[in-house]
């Protein structure tokens, strides 16, 4: 799982921000945490699949937060298009 892809200034962190950017068509890749609340993840997952975006899964919200270089957990992250 290439979570190292999140070490970029184009990273978007948080389920709400990821969903907004996803609806705007601004993301090229989405990362979701396996232990996140399914109701949060489901909306993002469905929209990402509808747009045929690649979805990567992190083992935990804590691991995903670390990959994003933040000190708290996060359910979702994404990478904006260049």
N, C-alpha and C. Protein backbone atom coordinates (compact mmCIF):
# COMPACT_ATOMS: atom_id res chain seq x y z
N UNK A 1 0.85 -1.17 0.00
CA UNK A 1 0.00 0.00 0.00
C UNK A 1 0.90 1.24 0.00
N UNK A 2 0.89 2.02 -1.05
CA UNK A 2 1.79 3.17 -1.16
C UNK A 2 1.26 4.42 -0.45
N UNK A 3 1.23 4.38 0.87
CA UNK A 3 0.78 5.56 1.62
C UNK A 3 1.77 6.70 1.49
N UNK A 4 2.98 6.40 1.03
CA UNK A 4 3.98 7.43 0.81
C UNK A 4 3.53 8.45 -0.22
N UNK A 5 2.56 8.09 -1.05
CA UNK A 5 2.01 9.02 -2.05
C UNK A 5 1.40 10.25 -1.38
N UNK A 6 1.04 10.13 -0.10
CA UNK A 6 0.39 11.24 0.59
C UNK A 6 1.36 12.31 1.06
N UNK A 7 2.64 12.07 0.93
CA UNK A 7 3.65 13.05 1.33
C UNK A 7 3.82 14.07 0.20
N UNK A 8 2.78 14.81 -0.06
CA UNK A 8 2.77 15.79 -1.14
C UNK A 8 1.92 16.99 -0.73
N UNK A 9 2.22 18.16 -1.24
CA UNK A 9 1.38 19.33 -0.94
C UNK A 9 -0.02 19.23 -1.54
N UNK A 10 -0.22 18.29 -2.44
CA UNK A 10 -1.54 18.13 -3.08
C UNK A 10 -2.48 17.25 -2.25
N UNK A 11 -2.07 16.90 -1.04
CA UNK A 11 -2.85 16.03 -0.17
C UNK A 11 -4.05 16.76 0.43
N UNK A 12 -5.19 16.09 0.45
CA UNK A 12 -6.41 16.60 1.09
C UNK A 12 -6.73 15.63 2.22
N UNK A 13 -6.97 16.15 3.42
CA UNK A 13 -7.18 15.30 4.59
C UNK A 13 -8.55 15.55 5.21
N UNK A 14 -9.20 14.46 5.60
CA UNK A 14 -10.50 14.55 6.27
C UNK A 14 -11.62 14.13 5.34
N UNK A 15 -12.57 13.40 5.88
CA UNK A 15 -13.67 12.86 5.08
C UNK A 15 -14.49 13.96 4.40
N UNK A 16 -14.78 15.02 5.12
CA UNK A 16 -15.60 16.10 4.55
C UNK A 16 -14.88 16.80 3.40
N UNK A 17 -13.60 17.11 3.60
CA UNK A 17 -12.84 17.79 2.54
C UNK A 17 -12.63 16.88 1.34
N UNK A 18 -12.36 15.60 1.60
CA UNK A 18 -12.17 14.65 0.50
C UNK A 18 -13.46 14.53 -0.31
N UNK A 19 -14.59 14.45 0.38
CA UNK A 19 -15.87 14.32 -0.33
C UNK A 19 -16.17 15.56 -1.18
N UNK A 20 -15.90 16.75 -0.65
CA UNK A 20 -16.12 17.98 -1.40
C UNK A 20 -15.26 18.01 -2.67
N UNK A 21 -13.98 17.70 -2.52
CA UNK A 21 -13.06 17.70 -3.66
C UNK A 21 -13.44 16.62 -4.67
N UNK A 22 -13.93 15.50 -4.16
CA UNK A 22 -14.35 14.40 -5.02
C UNK A 22 -15.54 14.81 -5.88
N UNK A 23 -16.52 15.45 -5.26
CA UNK A 23 -17.69 15.92 -6.00
C UNK A 23 -17.32 16.97 -7.04
N UNK A 24 -16.29 17.76 -6.74
CA UNK A 24 -15.84 18.79 -7.68
C UNK A 24 -14.95 18.21 -8.79
N UNK A 25 -14.63 16.92 -8.69
CA UNK A 25 -13.80 16.29 -9.71
C UNK A 25 -12.34 16.67 -9.63
N UNK A 26 -11.87 17.01 -8.44
CA UNK A 26 -10.51 17.51 -8.27
C UNK A 26 -9.51 16.46 -7.78
N UNK A 27 -9.94 15.23 -7.52
CA UNK A 27 -9.04 14.21 -6.98
C UNK A 27 -8.64 13.19 -8.03
N UNK A 28 -7.42 12.67 -7.87
CA UNK A 28 -6.96 11.61 -8.76
C UNK A 28 -6.84 10.27 -8.03
N UNK A 29 -6.79 10.30 -6.69
CA UNK A 29 -6.65 9.08 -5.91
C UNK A 29 -7.24 9.30 -4.52
N UNK A 30 -7.84 8.25 -3.95
CA UNK A 30 -8.49 8.35 -2.64
C UNK A 30 -7.91 7.26 -1.73
N UNK A 31 -7.71 7.63 -0.46
CA UNK A 31 -7.24 6.70 0.56
C UNK A 31 -8.30 6.64 1.66
N UNK A 32 -8.67 5.43 2.08
CA UNK A 32 -9.67 5.25 3.13
C UNK A 32 -9.12 4.34 4.22
N UNK A 33 -9.55 4.57 5.45
CA UNK A 33 -9.13 3.74 6.57
C UNK A 33 -10.14 2.62 6.81
N UNK A 34 -9.64 1.42 7.01
CA UNK A 34 -10.51 0.26 7.21
C UNK A 34 -11.33 0.34 8.50
N UNK A 35 -10.80 1.01 9.53
CA UNK A 35 -11.51 1.07 10.80
C UNK A 35 -12.36 2.34 10.95
N UNK A 36 -12.56 3.06 9.87
CA UNK A 36 -13.38 4.28 9.91
C UNK A 36 -14.87 3.92 9.95
N UNK A 37 -15.67 4.86 10.37
CA UNK A 37 -17.13 4.70 10.41
C UNK A 37 -17.63 4.40 9.00
N UNK A 38 -18.30 3.27 8.81
CA UNK A 38 -18.76 2.90 7.46
C UNK A 38 -19.66 3.94 6.80
N UNK A 39 -20.42 4.68 7.58
CA UNK A 39 -21.30 5.69 6.96
C UNK A 39 -20.48 6.82 6.34
N UNK A 40 -19.33 7.16 6.91
CA UNK A 40 -18.45 8.17 6.32
C UNK A 40 -17.78 7.64 5.06
N UNK A 41 -17.24 6.46 5.17
CA UNK A 41 -16.46 5.87 4.08
C UNK A 41 -17.33 5.50 2.87
N UNK A 42 -18.54 5.08 3.12
CA UNK A 42 -19.41 4.59 2.05
C UNK A 42 -19.70 5.66 1.00
N UNK A 43 -20.00 6.87 1.43
CA UNK A 43 -20.29 7.95 0.48
C UNK A 43 -19.08 8.22 -0.42
N UNK A 44 -17.93 8.28 0.19
CA UNK A 44 -16.70 8.55 -0.56
C UNK A 44 -16.39 7.39 -1.51
N UNK A 45 -16.53 6.18 -1.02
CA UNK A 45 -16.24 5.00 -1.83
C UNK A 45 -17.14 4.91 -3.05
N UNK A 46 -18.42 5.13 -2.87
CA UNK A 46 -19.37 5.07 -3.99
C UNK A 46 -19.05 6.12 -5.04
N UNK A 47 -18.76 7.34 -4.60
CA UNK A 47 -18.45 8.42 -5.55
C UNK A 47 -17.13 8.16 -6.26
N UNK A 48 -16.14 7.65 -5.55
CA UNK A 48 -14.84 7.35 -6.16
C UNK A 48 -14.99 6.25 -7.22
N UNK A 49 -15.79 5.25 -6.92
CA UNK A 49 -16.02 4.18 -7.89
C UNK A 49 -16.80 4.69 -9.09
N UNK A 50 -17.72 5.59 -8.86
CA UNK A 50 -18.50 6.17 -9.96
C UNK A 50 -17.58 6.94 -10.91
N UNK A 51 -16.56 7.59 -10.34
CA UNK A 51 -15.61 8.36 -11.15
C UNK A 51 -14.43 7.51 -11.62
N UNK A 52 -14.44 6.23 -11.31
CA UNK A 52 -13.37 5.29 -11.68
C UNK A 52 -12.00 5.71 -11.14
N UNK A 53 -12.00 6.20 -9.92
CA UNK A 53 -10.74 6.59 -9.26
C UNK A 53 -10.16 5.40 -8.51
N UNK A 54 -8.85 5.39 -8.39
CA UNK A 54 -8.20 4.35 -7.62
C UNK A 54 -8.42 4.62 -6.13
N UNK A 55 -8.79 3.57 -5.39
CA UNK A 55 -9.00 3.67 -3.94
C UNK A 55 -8.01 2.75 -3.26
N UNK A 56 -7.23 3.31 -2.36
CA UNK A 56 -6.28 2.55 -1.55
C UNK A 56 -6.81 2.48 -0.13
N UNK A 57 -6.60 1.35 0.52
CA UNK A 57 -7.07 1.16 1.89
C UNK A 57 -5.91 1.16 2.87
N UNK A 58 -6.02 1.92 3.94
CA UNK A 58 -5.05 1.92 5.04
C UNK A 58 -5.60 1.02 6.15
N UNK A 59 -4.72 0.41 6.90
CA UNK A 59 -5.15 -0.51 7.95
C UNK A 59 -5.88 0.20 9.08
N UNK A 60 -5.53 1.45 9.35
CA UNK A 60 -6.19 2.16 10.44
C UNK A 60 -6.21 3.66 10.18
N UNK A 61 -7.08 4.33 10.90
CA UNK A 61 -7.18 5.79 10.80
C UNK A 61 -5.90 6.44 11.32
N UNK A 62 -5.31 5.85 12.33
CA UNK A 62 -4.07 6.38 12.89
C UNK A 62 -2.94 6.32 11.87
N UNK A 63 -2.82 5.20 11.18
CA UNK A 63 -1.79 5.03 10.15
C UNK A 63 -2.01 6.01 9.00
N UNK A 64 -3.24 6.20 8.61
CA UNK A 64 -3.55 7.13 7.53
C UNK A 64 -3.22 8.57 7.95
N UNK A 65 -3.51 8.92 9.18
CA UNK A 65 -3.16 10.25 9.68
C UNK A 65 -1.66 10.48 9.68
N UNK A 66 -0.90 9.48 10.10
CA UNK A 66 0.55 9.60 10.08
C UNK A 66 1.08 9.78 8.66
N UNK A 67 0.52 9.04 7.73
CA UNK A 67 0.95 9.14 6.34
C UNK A 67 0.69 10.54 5.77
N UNK A 68 -0.32 11.20 6.31
CA UNK A 68 -0.66 12.57 5.88
C UNK A 68 0.12 13.62 6.66
N UNK A 69 1.00 13.18 7.54
CA UNK A 69 1.82 14.07 8.37
C UNK A 69 0.99 14.94 9.30
N UNK A 70 -0.08 14.36 9.85
CA UNK A 70 -0.87 15.04 10.86
C UNK A 70 -0.82 14.20 12.13
N UNK A 71 -1.14 14.81 13.26
CA UNK A 71 -1.01 14.10 14.53
C UNK A 71 -2.32 13.52 15.04
N UNK A 72 -3.34 13.53 14.22
CA UNK A 72 -4.60 12.92 14.63
C UNK A 72 -5.02 11.89 13.59
N UNK A 73 -6.03 11.13 13.94
CA UNK A 73 -6.54 10.11 13.04
C UNK A 73 -7.36 10.75 11.93
N UNK A 74 -7.46 10.07 10.79
CA UNK A 74 -8.33 10.54 9.73
C UNK A 74 -8.96 9.34 9.01
N UNK A 75 -10.19 9.50 8.60
CA UNK A 75 -10.92 8.42 7.93
C UNK A 75 -10.61 8.39 6.45
N UNK A 76 -10.28 9.55 5.88
CA UNK A 76 -10.08 9.63 4.44
C UNK A 76 -9.03 10.67 4.09
N UNK A 77 -8.40 10.44 2.96
CA UNK A 77 -7.44 11.39 2.41
C UNK A 77 -7.49 11.24 0.90
N UNK A 78 -6.99 12.22 0.22
CA UNK A 78 -6.96 12.16 -1.23
C UNK A 78 -5.82 12.97 -1.79
N UNK A 79 -5.56 12.77 -3.07
CA UNK A 79 -4.52 13.51 -3.77
C UNK A 79 -5.20 14.28 -4.90
N UNK A 80 -5.01 15.61 -4.90
CA UNK A 80 -5.59 16.45 -5.94
C UNK A 80 -4.87 16.23 -7.26
N UNK A 81 -5.59 16.46 -8.34
CA UNK A 81 -4.99 16.36 -9.67
C UNK A 81 -3.93 17.44 -9.83
N UNK A 82 -2.92 17.11 -10.60
CA UNK A 82 -1.82 18.07 -10.83
C UNK A 82 -2.24 19.16 -11.78
